[in-house]
Protein backbone atom coordinates (compact mmCIF):
# COMPACT_ATOMS: atom_id res chain seq x y z
CA MET A 1 23.70 -28.31 -20.55
CA GLY A 2 22.17 -25.22 -22.13
CA PHE A 3 23.02 -22.48 -24.52
CA GLY A 4 26.67 -21.49 -24.44
CA SER A 5 27.60 -24.22 -22.02
CA TYR A 6 31.23 -24.33 -20.98
CA ASP A 7 33.40 -25.87 -18.36
CA GLU A 8 34.05 -23.29 -15.64
CA SER A 9 37.46 -24.81 -15.03
CA GLU A 10 38.48 -23.38 -18.40
CA GLN A 11 37.88 -19.91 -16.97
CA GLU A 12 40.43 -20.33 -14.20
CA ASN A 13 43.98 -19.02 -14.46
CA GLN A 14 43.35 -16.74 -17.41
CA ASN A 15 46.08 -14.22 -16.73
CA ALA A 16 46.69 -11.55 -19.32
CA ASP A 17 50.22 -11.55 -20.66
CA ALA A 18 51.45 -8.24 -19.27
CA ASP A 19 55.08 -9.01 -20.08
CA TYR A 20 55.53 -7.27 -23.41
CA ASP A 21 58.08 -4.89 -24.81
CA GLU A 22 57.38 -1.51 -26.34
CA GLU A 23 58.63 -3.04 -29.60
CA ASP A 24 55.74 -5.52 -29.54
CA ALA A 25 53.13 -2.77 -29.16
CA VAL A 26 51.13 -1.57 -32.14
CA ASN A 27 52.13 1.86 -33.40
CA VAL A 28 48.86 3.49 -34.48
CA HIS A 29 50.76 6.34 -36.13
CA GLN A 30 52.90 4.09 -38.29
CA ASN A 31 50.85 4.81 -41.42
CA ASP A 32 49.76 8.41 -40.84
CA HIS A 33 49.54 10.47 -44.01
CA ASP A 34 49.57 14.21 -44.47
CA GLY A 35 47.80 15.61 -47.47
CA SER A 36 44.65 17.13 -48.78
CA VAL A 37 41.61 16.07 -50.73
CA SER A 38 39.67 18.20 -53.12
CA PHE A 39 36.51 17.45 -55.04
CA ASP A 40 35.21 19.60 -57.86
CA THR A 41 31.71 18.83 -59.05
CA GLY A 42 31.60 21.59 -61.62
CA ALA A 43 28.29 22.68 -60.10
CA SER A 44 27.63 26.12 -58.70
CA SER A 45 26.75 26.63 -55.05
CA GLY A 46 23.17 27.41 -56.04
CA GLU A 47 22.89 24.13 -57.95
CA LEU A 48 24.25 22.21 -54.96
CA VAL A 49 21.80 23.91 -52.59
CA ASP A 50 18.93 23.11 -54.97
CA ARG A 51 20.02 19.47 -55.15
CA LEU A 52 20.23 19.29 -51.35
CA GLN A 53 16.70 20.64 -51.08
CA GLU A 54 15.49 18.03 -53.59
CA MET A 55 17.09 15.29 -51.48
CA LYS A 56 15.45 16.63 -48.33
CA ASP A 57 12.08 16.78 -50.09
CA ASP A 58 12.52 13.18 -51.26
CA ASP A 59 13.20 12.09 -47.65
CA ASP A 60 10.05 13.88 -46.48
CA ASP A 61 8.00 12.11 -49.17
CA ASP A 62 9.40 8.71 -48.14
CA GLU A 63 8.40 9.23 -44.48
CA GLU A 64 4.73 9.82 -45.35
């Protein structure tokens, strides 16, 4: 046949199994975690702003 050929008879009677219990369902909140994250660079705000500007300037140079 051609690309991705298949027997159409295989596509018949494909009923989704709708008979499931709540216990079988996936609990997406099973591994939720409460907490916080902090990150201290030791750099001042001015240093961070300067570094951001350098990164932006580098991007502008790459586009040219």
